Protein backbone atom coordinates (compact mmCIF):
# COMPACT_ATOMS: atom_id res chain seq x y z
CA MET A 1 152.97 91.06 56.67
CA THR A 2 149.32 91.17 55.79
CA SER A 3 146.53 90.51 58.22
CA LEU A 4 143.39 88.58 57.43
CA ILE A 5 141.31 90.88 59.60
CA ALA A 6 142.12 94.54 59.58
CA ILE A 7 140.57 96.33 62.55
CA THR A 8 141.33 99.92 63.30
CA PRO A 9 141.91 100.91 66.94
CA ALA A 10 138.58 102.77 67.01
CA ASP A 11 136.74 99.70 65.73
CA ALA A 12 138.55 97.48 68.25
CA HIS A 13 137.43 99.79 71.07
CA ALA A 14 133.83 99.70 69.87
CA LEU A 15 133.84 95.92 69.49
CA THR A 16 135.35 95.52 72.96
CA MET A 17 132.63 97.71 74.47
CA VAL A 18 129.93 95.72 72.66
CA ALA A 19 131.42 92.48 73.99
CA ILE A 20 131.52 93.82 77.56
CA LEU A 21 127.93 95.05 77.34
CA ALA A 22 126.80 91.71 75.89
CA PHE A 23 128.51 89.87 78.75
CA ALA A 24 126.90 92.17 81.34
CA LEU A 25 123.46 91.76 79.77
CA GLY A 26 123.89 88.00 79.65
CA SER A 27 124.84 87.96 83.32
CA LEU A 28 121.75 89.97 84.26
CA VAL A 29 119.46 87.76 82.18
CA THR A 30 120.94 84.67 83.83
CA MET A 31 120.41 86.11 87.31
CA PHE A 32 116.79 87.03 86.53
CA LEU A 33 116.08 83.58 85.09
CA ILE A 34 117.49 81.92 88.22
CA MET A 35 115.46 84.21 90.47
CA ALA A 36 112.28 83.53 88.49
CA ARG A 37 112.87 79.79 88.62
CA ASN A 38 113.42 79.85 92.39
CA GLY A 39 110.36 82.07 92.87
CA ARG A 40 108.12 79.43 91.27
CA ARG A 41 109.21 76.69 93.66
CA ASN A 42 106.46 74.78 95.41
CA ALA A 43 106.15 75.74 99.08
CA GLU A 44 105.02 72.23 100.07
CA GLN A 45 108.26 70.73 98.75
CA ASP A 46 110.47 73.08 100.74
CA LEU A 47 111.68 71.99 104.13
CA PRO A 48 110.26 74.12 106.94
CA GLU A 49 112.88 76.27 108.59
CA PHE A 50 111.03 76.53 111.89
CA PRO A 51 108.39 73.80 112.14
CA GLU A 52 107.30 74.87 115.62
CA ASP A 53 106.21 78.25 114.25
CA LYS A 54 103.56 76.66 112.02
CA GLU A 55 100.95 76.55 114.77
CA PRO A 56 99.87 79.96 116.07
CA LYS A 57 100.70 80.66 119.67
CA LYS A 58 97.81 81.79 121.82
CA PRO A 59 98.52 84.46 124.43
CA SER A 60 97.88 83.46 128.02
CA SER A 61 94.61 84.47 129.66
CA ALA A 62 96.50 86.30 132.42
CA ARG A 63 98.00 88.67 129.88
CA LYS A 64 94.59 89.39 128.37
CA GLU A 65 93.05 90.29 131.74
CA LYS A 66 96.03 92.27 132.98
CA SER A 67 96.72 94.40 129.94
CA ALA A 68 94.15 96.98 128.88
CA LYS A 69 96.10 98.39 125.94
CA PRO A 70 96.81 96.29 122.84
CA VAL A 71 100.16 94.52 123.03
CA ALA A 72 102.24 93.43 120.06
CA GLU A 73 103.34 89.79 119.87
CA TRP A 74 107.00 90.61 120.45
CA GLU A 75 106.42 92.67 123.63
CA ARG A 76 106.74 91.18 127.11
CA ASP A 77 104.97 91.99 130.33
CA GLY A 78 106.73 94.42 132.62
CA ASP A 79 107.35 91.73 135.25
CA TRP A 80 108.51 88.96 132.93
CA TRP A 81 111.52 88.09 135.10
CA LYS A 82 109.41 87.17 138.17
C-alpha cells in the first residue's frame, strides 16, 4: 500500500513539536491581546466597586490633637474600644 504523504518518524516528531510550539505561542498572543484590550478600558464606564471610597475621609480633630507622631490611615487609636 502506498501512502500519499511519506513522513519519517523523525520528521513527524519535528512537525509535532512545531505544532505544539505554534499552539503555545498562539495562546500567549491571545492572552496578551486580551490583557491589552482590557487595559485600555475607560475608567468612567466601569462600575465603581466601592462608591463610598471615592470621597476622602478626613481624620477627626481629636486624633490630630492627641497624636504627636504621624499615624497611618489604617492604624487605630489605642483606646478605640471605649
